[in-house]
PDB file of all heavy atoms in Angstrom:
ATOM      1  N   ALA A   1      83.135 142.870 -37.048  1.00  0.00           N
ATOM      2  CA  ALA A   1      84.096 142.313 -36.128  1.00  0.00           C
ATOM      3  C   ALA A   1      85.382 143.021 -36.063  1.00  0.00           C
ATOM      4  O   ALA A   1      86.261 142.934 -35.144  1.00  0.00           O
ATOM      5  CB  ALA A   1      84.391 140.795 -36.534  1.00  0.00           C
ATOM      6  N   ALA A   2      85.674 143.884 -37.130  1.00  0.00           N
ATOM      7  CA  ALA A   2      86.953 144.703 -37.136  1.00  0.00           C
ATOM      8  C   ALA A   2      86.772 145.858 -36.149  1.00  0.00           C
ATOM      9  O   ALA A   2      87.696 146.593 -35.958  1.00  0.00           O
ATOM     10  CB  ALA A   2      87.148 145.173 -38.554  1.00  0.00           C
ATOM     11  N   GLY A   3      85.543 146.104 -35.654  1.00  0.00           N
ATOM     12  CA  GLY A   3      85.224 147.287 -34.890  1.00  0.00           C
ATOM     13  C   GLY A   3      85.763 147.235 -33.496  1.00  0.00           C
ATOM     14  O   GLY A   3      86.813 146.496 -33.228  1.00  0.00           O
ATOM     15  N   PRO A   4      85.214 148.054 -32.568  1.00  0.00           N
ATOM     16  CA  PRO A   4      83.865 148.695 -32.750  1.00  0.00           C
ATOM     17  C   PRO A   4      83.816 149.698 -33.898  1.00  0.00           C
ATOM     18  O   PRO A   4      84.775 150.521 -33.943  1.00  0.00           O
ATOM     19  CB  PRO A   4      83.496 149.256 -31.400  1.00  0.00           C
ATOM     20  CG  PRO A   4      84.971 149.470 -30.723  1.00  0.00           C
ATOM     21  CD  PRO A   4      85.753 148.341 -31.234  1.00  0.00           C
ATOM     22  N   VAL A   5      82.747 149.638 -34.635  1.00  0.00           N
ATOM     23  CA  VAL A   5      82.651 150.573 -35.806  1.00  0.00           C
ATOM     24  C   VAL A   5      81.990 151.841 -35.293  1.00  0.00           C
ATOM     25  O   VAL A   5      80.915 151.860 -34.717  1.00  0.00           O
ATOM     26  CB  VAL A   5      81.753 149.926 -36.923  1.00  0.00           C
ATOM     27  CG1 VAL A   5      81.655 150.986 -38.012  1.00  0.00           C
ATOM     28  CG2 VAL A   5      82.432 148.623 -37.503  1.00  0.00           C
ATOM     29  N   GLU A   6      82.736 153.012 -35.502  1.00  0.00           N
ATOM     30  CA  GLU A   6      82.342 154.309 -34.997  1.00  0.00           C
ATOM     31  C   GLU A   6      81.495 155.114 -36.004  1.00  0.00           C
ATOM     32  O   GLU A   6      80.590 155.816 -35.716  1.00  0.00           O
ATOM     33  CB  GLU A   6      83.525 155.055 -34.631  1.00  0.00           C
ATOM     34  CG  GLU A   6      83.333 156.458 -34.155  1.00  0.00           C
ATOM     35  CD  GLU A   6      84.638 157.195 -33.834  1.00  0.00           C
ATOM     36  OE1 GLU A   6      85.638 156.479 -33.624  1.00  0.00           O
ATOM     37  OE2 GLU A   6      84.589 158.417 -33.674  1.00  0.00           O
ATOM     38  N   LEU A   7      81.728 154.846 -37.366  1.00  0.00           N
ATOM     39  CA  LEU A   7      81.200 155.608 -38.413  1.00  0.00           C
ATOM     40  C   LEU A   7      81.252 154.777 -39.673  1.00  0.00           C
ATOM     41  O   LEU A   7      82.167 154.074 -39.912  1.00  0.00           O
ATOM     42  CB  LEU A   7      81.906 156.933 -38.537  1.00  0.00           C
ATOM     43  CG  LEU A   7      81.419 157.933 -39.699  1.00  0.00           C
ATOM     44  CD1 LEU A   7      80.044 158.376 -39.449  1.00  0.00           C
ATOM     45  CD2 LEU A   7      82.466 159.036 -39.787  1.00  0.00           C
ATOM     46  N   VAL A   8      80.260 154.887 -40.548  1.00  0.00           N
ATOM     47  CA  VAL A   8      80.265 154.296 -41.873  1.00  0.00           C
ATOM     48  C   VAL A   8      80.021 155.356 -42.889  1.00  0.00           C
ATOM     49  O   VAL A   8      79.207 156.253 -42.730  1.00  0.00           O
ATOM     50  CB  VAL A   8      79.150 153.229 -42.009  1.00  0.00           C
ATOM     51  CG1 VAL A   8      79.159 152.633 -43.419  1.00  0.00           C
ATOM     52  CG2 VAL A   8      79.288 152.191 -40.939  1.00  0.00           C
ATOM     53  N   LEU A   9      80.959 155.422 -43.987  1.00  0.00           N
ATOM     54  CA  LEU A   9      80.871 156.387 -44.980  1.00  0.00           C
ATOM     55  C   LEU A   9      80.726 155.679 -46.311  1.00  0.00           C
ATOM     56  O   LEU A   9      81.279 154.513 -46.483  1.00  0.00           O
ATOM     57  CB  LEU A   9      82.181 157.247 -45.068  1.00  0.00           C
ATOM     58  CG  LEU A   9      82.456 158.028 -43.789  1.00  0.00           C
ATOM     59  CD1 LEU A   9      83.827 158.788 -43.943  1.00  0.00           C
ATOM     60  CD2 LEU A   9      81.381 159.086 -43.490  1.00  0.00           C
ATOM     61  N   VAL A  10      80.012 156.234 -47.228  1.00  0.00           N
ATOM     62  CA  VAL A  10      79.885 155.637 -48.623  1.00  0.00           C
ATOM     63  C   VAL A  10      80.313 156.726 -49.612  1.00  0.00           C
ATOM     64  O   VAL A  10      80.009 157.897 -49.470  1.00  0.00           O
ATOM     65  CB  VAL A  10      78.403 155.117 -48.911  1.00  0.00           C
ATOM     66  CG1 VAL A  10      78.037 154.019 -47.950  1.00  0.00           C
ATOM     67  CG2 VAL A  10      77.383 156.242 -48.753  1.00  0.00           C
ATOM     68  N   THR A  11      80.975 156.191 -50.617  1.00  0.00           N
ATOM     69  CA  THR A  11      81.491 157.017 -51.709  1.00  0.00           C
ATOM     70  C   THR A  11      80.518 157.441 -52.719  1.00  0.00           C
ATOM     71  O   THR A  11      80.601 158.499 -53.372  1.00  0.00           O
ATOM     72  CB  THR A  11      82.739 156.360 -52.351  1.00  0.00           C
ATOM     73  OG1 THR A  11      82.317 155.162 -52.977  1.00  0.00           O
ATOM     74  CG2 THR A  11      83.858 156.166 -51.380  1.00  0.00           C
ATOM     75  N   HIS A  12      79.451 156.607 -52.922  1.00  0.00           N
ATOM     76  CA  HIS A  12      78.345 156.954 -53.836  1.00  0.00           C
ATOM     77  C   HIS A  12      77.287 155.913 -53.772  1.00  0.00           C
ATOM     78  O   HIS A  12      77.361 154.886 -53.034  1.00  0.00           O
ATOM     79  CB  HIS A  12      78.830 157.030 -55.344  1.00  0.00           C
ATOM     80  CG  HIS A  12      79.424 155.670 -55.858  1.00  0.00           C
ATOM     81  ND1 HIS A  12      80.549 155.133 -55.372  1.00  0.00           N
ATOM     82  CD2 HIS A  12      78.854 154.939 -56.793  1.00  0.00           C
ATOM     83  CE1 HIS A  12      80.736 154.005 -56.083  1.00  0.00           C
ATOM     84  NE2 HIS A  12      79.754 153.902 -56.921  1.00  0.00           N
ATOM     85  N   ARG A  13      76.156 156.147 -54.390  1.00  0.00           N
ATOM     86  CA  ARG A  13      74.867 155.450 -54.074  1.00  0.00           C
ATOM     87  C   ARG A  13      74.820 154.002 -54.704  1.00  0.00           C
ATOM     88  O   ARG A  13      73.893 153.275 -54.325  1.00  0.00           O
ATOM     89  CB  ARG A  13      73.710 156.290 -54.626  1.00  0.00           C
ATOM     90  CG  ARG A  13      73.810 156.410 -56.135  1.00  0.00           C
ATOM     91  CD  ARG A  13      72.469 157.127 -56.681  1.00  0.00           C
ATOM     92  NE  ARG A  13      72.536 157.215 -58.068  1.00  0.00           N
ATOM     93  CZ  ARG A  13      72.298 156.196 -59.004  1.00  0.00           C
ATOM     94  NH1 ARG A  13      71.951 155.077 -58.543  1.00  0.00           N
ATOM     95  NH2 ARG A  13      72.372 156.429 -60.311  1.00  0.00           N
ATOM     96  N   HIS A  14      75.642 153.607 -55.593  1.00  0.00           N
ATOM     97  CA  HIS A  14      75.440 152.334 -56.331  1.00  0.00           C
ATOM     98  C   HIS A  14      75.399 151.150 -55.207  1.00  0.00           C
ATOM     99  O   HIS A  14      76.196 151.165 -54.310  1.00  0.00           O
ATOM    100  CB  HIS A  14      76.622 152.062 -57.276  1.00  0.00           C
ATOM    101  CG  HIS A  14      76.369 152.887 -58.562  1.00  0.00           C
ATOM    102  ND1 HIS A  14      77.435 153.161 -59.414  1.00  0.00           N
ATOM    103  CD2 HIS A  14      75.317 153.518 -59.056  1.00  0.00           C
ATOM    104  CE1 HIS A  14      76.901 153.926 -60.435  1.00  0.00           C
ATOM    105  NE2 HIS A  14      75.640 154.067 -60.256  1.00  0.00           N
ATOM    106  N   SER A  15      74.550 150.247 -55.532  1.00  0.00           N
ATOM    107  CA  SER A  15      74.204 149.206 -54.620  1.00  0.00           C
ATOM    108  C   SER A  15      75.351 148.244 -54.218  1.00  0.00           C
ATOM    109  O   SER A  15      75.493 147.802 -53.117  1.00  0.00           O
ATOM    110  CB  SER A  15      73.132 148.303 -55.090  1.00  0.00           C
ATOM    111  OG  SER A  15      73.440 147.612 -56.298  1.00  0.00           O
ATOM    112  N   ASP A  16      76.353 148.112 -55.152  1.00  0.00           N
ATOM    113  CA  ASP A  16      77.500 147.263 -54.793  1.00  0.00           C
ATOM    114  C   ASP A  16      78.376 147.924 -53.716  1.00  0.00           C
ATOM    115  O   ASP A  16      79.270 147.295 -53.130  1.00  0.00           O
ATOM    116  CB  ASP A  16      78.326 146.862 -56.021  1.00  0.00           C
ATOM    117  CG  ASP A  16      78.934 148.148 -56.808  1.00  0.00           C
ATOM    118  OD1 ASP A  16      78.098 149.096 -57.040  1.00  0.00           O
ATOM    119  OD2 ASP A  16      80.076 148.127 -57.005  1.00  0.00           O
ATOM    120  N   HIS A  17      78.162 149.172 -53.404  1.00  0.00           N
ATOM    121  CA  HIS A  17      78.815 149.905 -52.328  1.00  0.00           C
ATOM    122  C   HIS A  17      77.945 150.129 -51.082  1.00  0.00           C
ATOM    123  O   HIS A  17      78.462 150.287 -50.001  1.00  0.00           O
ATOM    124  CB  HIS A  17      79.315 151.271 -52.785  1.00  0.00           C
ATOM    125  CG  HIS A  17      80.400 151.100 -53.860  1.00  0.00           C
ATOM    126  ND1 HIS A  17      81.735 151.381 -53.628  1.00  0.00           N
ATOM    127  CD2 HIS A  17      80.325 150.879 -55.229  1.00  0.00           C
ATOM    128  CE1 HIS A  17      82.414 151.144 -54.764  1.00  0.00           C
ATOM    129  NE2 HIS A  17      81.556 150.820 -55.696  1.00  0.00           N
ATOM    130  N   THR A  18      76.621 150.178 -51.359  1.00  0.00           N
ATOM    131  CA  THR A  18      75.728 150.631 -50.245  1.00  0.00           C
ATOM    132  C   THR A  18      74.691 149.658 -49.831  1.00  0.00           C
ATOM    133  O   THR A  18      74.043 149.857 -48.736  1.00  0.00           O
ATOM    134  CB  THR A  18      74.970 151.890 -50.675  1.00  0.00           C
ATOM    135  OG1 THR A  18      74.194 151.575 -51.823  1.00  0.00           O
ATOM    136  CG2 THR A  18      75.939 153.047 -51.130  1.00  0.00           C
ATOM    137  N   ALA A  19      74.420 148.555 -50.503  1.00  0.00           N
ATOM    138  CA  ALA A  19      73.344 147.629 -50.148  1.00  0.00           C
ATOM    139  C   ALA A  19      73.522 147.032 -48.770  1.00  0.00           C
ATOM    140  O   ALA A  19      72.491 146.736 -48.125  1.00  0.00           O
ATOM    141  CB  ALA A  19      73.325 146.582 -51.171  1.00  0.00           C
ATOM    142  N   GLY A  20      74.783 146.968 -48.287  1.00  0.00           N
ATOM    143  CA  GLY A  20      74.992 146.407 -46.859  1.00  0.00           C
ATOM    144  C   GLY A  20      74.908 147.479 -45.856  1.00  0.00           C
ATOM    145  O   GLY A  20      75.043 147.157 -44.626  1.00  0.00           O
ATOM    146  N   SER A  21      74.697 148.763 -46.208  1.00  0.00           N
ATOM    147  CA  SER A  21      74.712 149.806 -45.221  1.00  0.00           C
ATOM    148  C   SER A  21      73.751 149.630 -44.051  1.00  0.00           C
ATOM    149  O   SER A  21      74.083 149.805 -42.890  1.00  0.00           O
ATOM    150  CB  SER A  21      74.494 151.146 -45.857  1.00  0.00           C
ATOM    151  OG  SER A  21      75.572 151.479 -46.772  1.00  0.00           O
ATOM    152  N   ALA A  22      72.421 149.405 -44.373  1.00  0.00           N
ATOM    153  CA  ALA A  22      71.439 149.217 -43.325  1.00  0.00           C
ATOM    154  C   ALA A  22      71.778 148.092 -42.382  1.00  0.00           C
ATOM    155  O   ALA A  22      71.595 148.226 -41.190  1.00  0.00           O
ATOM    156  CB  ALA A  22      70.004 149.073 -44.043  1.00  0.00           C
ATOM    157  N   ARG A  23      72.257 147.006 -42.955  1.00  0.00           N
ATOM    158  CA  ARG A  23      72.579 145.796 -42.095  1.00  0.00           C
ATOM    159  C   ARG A  23      73.753 146.123 -41.246  1.00  0.00           C
ATOM    160  O   ARG A  23      73.758 145.709 -40.143  1.00  0.00           O
ATOM    161  CB  ARG A  23      72.824 144.666 -43.038  1.00  0.00           C
ATOM    162  CG  ARG A  23      73.359 143.383 -42.360  1.00  0.00           C
ATOM    163  CD  ARG A  23      72.316 142.780 -41.385  1.00  0.00           C
ATOM    164  NE  ARG A  23      72.734 141.482 -40.877  1.00  0.00           N
ATOM    165  CZ  ARG A  23      72.411 141.021 -39.741  1.00  0.00           C
ATOM    166  NH1 ARG A  23      71.558 141.718 -38.974  1.00  0.00           N
ATOM    167  NH2 ARG A  23      72.816 139.836 -39.317  1.00  0.00           N
ATOM    168  N   LEU A  24      74.796 146.773 -41.805  1.00  0.00           N
ATOM    169  CA  LEU A  24      76.011 147.104 -40.904  1.00  0.00           C
ATOM    170  C   LEU A  24      75.574 148.074 -39.832  1.00  0.00           C
ATOM    171  O   LEU A  24      76.051 147.967 -38.704  1.00  0.00           O
ATOM    172  CB  LEU A  24      77.054 147.711 -41.780  1.00  0.00           C
ATOM    173  CG  LEU A  24      78.387 147.885 -41.106  1.00  0.00           C
ATOM    174  CD1 LEU A  24      78.938 146.538 -40.547  1.00  0.00           C
ATOM    175  CD2 LEU A  24      79.489 148.476 -42.019  1.00  0.00           C
ATOM    176  N   HIS A  25      74.688 149.015 -40.194  1.00  0.00           N
ATOM    177  CA  HIS A  25      74.175 149.961 -39.112  1.00  0.00           C
ATOM    178  C   HIS A  25      73.437 149.156 -38.067  1.00  0.00           C
ATOM    179  O   HIS A  25      73.628 149.451 -36.839  1.00  0.00           O
ATOM    180  CB  HIS A  25      73.216 150.981 -39.778  1.00  0.00           C
ATOM    181  CG  HIS A  25      72.520 151.800 -38.857  1.00  0.00           C
ATOM    182  ND1 HIS A  25      73.075 152.690 -37.936  1.00  0.00           N
ATOM    183  CD2 HIS A  25      71.159 151.911 -38.551  1.00  0.00           C
ATOM    184  CE1 HIS A  25      72.191 153.329 -37.154  1.00  0.00           C
ATOM    185  NE2 HIS A  25      70.969 152.794 -37.581  1.00  0.00           N
ATOM    186  N   ALA A  26      72.624 148.197 -38.456  1.00  0.00           N
ATOM    187  CA  ALA A  26      71.945 147.428 -37.461  1.00  0.00           C
ATOM    188  C   ALA A  26      72.900 146.560 -36.556  1.00  0.00           C
ATOM    189  O   ALA A  26      72.714 146.429 -35.390  1.00  0.00           O
ATOM    190  CB  ALA A  26      70.968 146.500 -38.099  1.00  0.00           C
ATOM    191  N   LEU A  27      73.989 146.051 -37.257  1.00  0.00           N
ATOM    192  CA  LEU A  27      74.941 145.221 -36.486  1.00  0.00           C
ATOM    193  C   LEU A  27      75.701 146.042 -35.460  1.00  0.00           C
ATOM    194  O   LEU A  27      76.121 145.547 -34.429  1.00  0.00           O
ATOM    195  CB  LEU A  27      75.844 144.524 -37.497  1.00  0.00           C
ATOM    196  CG  LEU A  27      75.325 143.385 -38.281  1.00  0.00           C
ATOM    197  CD1 LEU A  27      76.278 142.964 -39.319  1.00  0.00           C
ATOM    198  CD2 LEU A  27      74.980 142.164 -37.385  1.00  0.00           C
ATOM    199  N   THR A  28      76.046 147.315 -35.838  1.00  0.00           N
ATOM    200  CA  THR A  28      77.054 148.090 -35.147  1.00  0.00           C
ATOM    201  C   THR A  28      76.453 149.240 -34.412  1.00  0.00           C
ATOM    202  O   THR A  28      77.123 149.797 -33.451  1.00  0.00           O
ATOM    203  CB  THR A  28      78.143 148.525 -36.052  1.00  0.00           C
ATOM    204  OG1 THR A  28      77.668 149.498 -36.993  1.00  0.00           O
ATOM    205  CG2 THR A  28      78.773 147.364 -36.726  1.00  0.00           C
ATOM    206  N   GLY A  29      75.346 149.755 -34.905  1.00  0.00           N
ATOM    207  CA  GLY A  29      74.772 151.011 -34.305  1.00  0.00           C
ATOM    208  C   GLY A  29      75.478 152.256 -34.915  1.00  0.00           C
ATOM    209  O   GLY A  29      75.066 153.392 -34.540  1.00  0.00           O
ATOM    210  N   ALA A  30      76.488 152.078 -35.781  1.00  0.00           N
ATOM    211  CA  ALA A  30      77.143 153.220 -36.310  1.00  0.00           C
ATOM    212  C   ALA A  30      76.286 153.942 -37.311  1.00  0.00           C
ATOM    213  O   ALA A  30      75.683 153.379 -38.172  1.00  0.00           O
ATOM    214  CB  ALA A  30      78.531 152.773 -36.948  1.00  0.00           C
ATOM    215  N   PRO A  31      76.413 155.330 -37.331  1.00  0.00           N
ATOM    216  CA  PRO A  31      75.647 156.069 -38.329  1.00  0.00           C
ATOM    217  C   PRO A  31      76.396 155.847 -39.687  1.00  0.00           C
ATOM    218  O   PRO A  31      77.505 155.640 -39.767  1.00  0.00           O
ATOM    219  CB  PRO A  31      75.823 157.513 -37.817  1.00  0.00           C
ATOM    220  CG  PRO A  31      77.023 157.493 -37.010  1.00  0.00           C
ATOM    221  CD  PRO A  31      77.036 156.202 -36.292  1.00  0.00           C
ATOM    222  N   VAL A  32      75.514 155.952 -40.762  1.00  0.00           N
ATOM    223  CA  VAL A  32      75.931 155.803 -42.024  1.00  0.00           C
ATOM    224  C   VAL A  32      75.793 157.096 -42.770  1.00  0.00           C
ATOM    225  O   VAL A  32      74.671 157.677 -42.781  1.00  0.00           O
ATOM    226  CB  VAL A  32      75.188 154.671 -42.837  1.00  0.00           C
ATOM    227  CG1 VAL A  32      75.729 154.583 -44.307  1.00  0.00           C
ATOM    228  CG2 VAL A  32      75.408 153.385 -42.109  1.00  0.00           C
TER     229      VAL A  32
END
């Protein structure tokens, strides 16, 4: 809702940072 989200970046692979990546990509279409 803060978007439109243009891009998603992650700082490292741990799930507390990345587990929501696929869902946010689906919600926004933004590449991760």
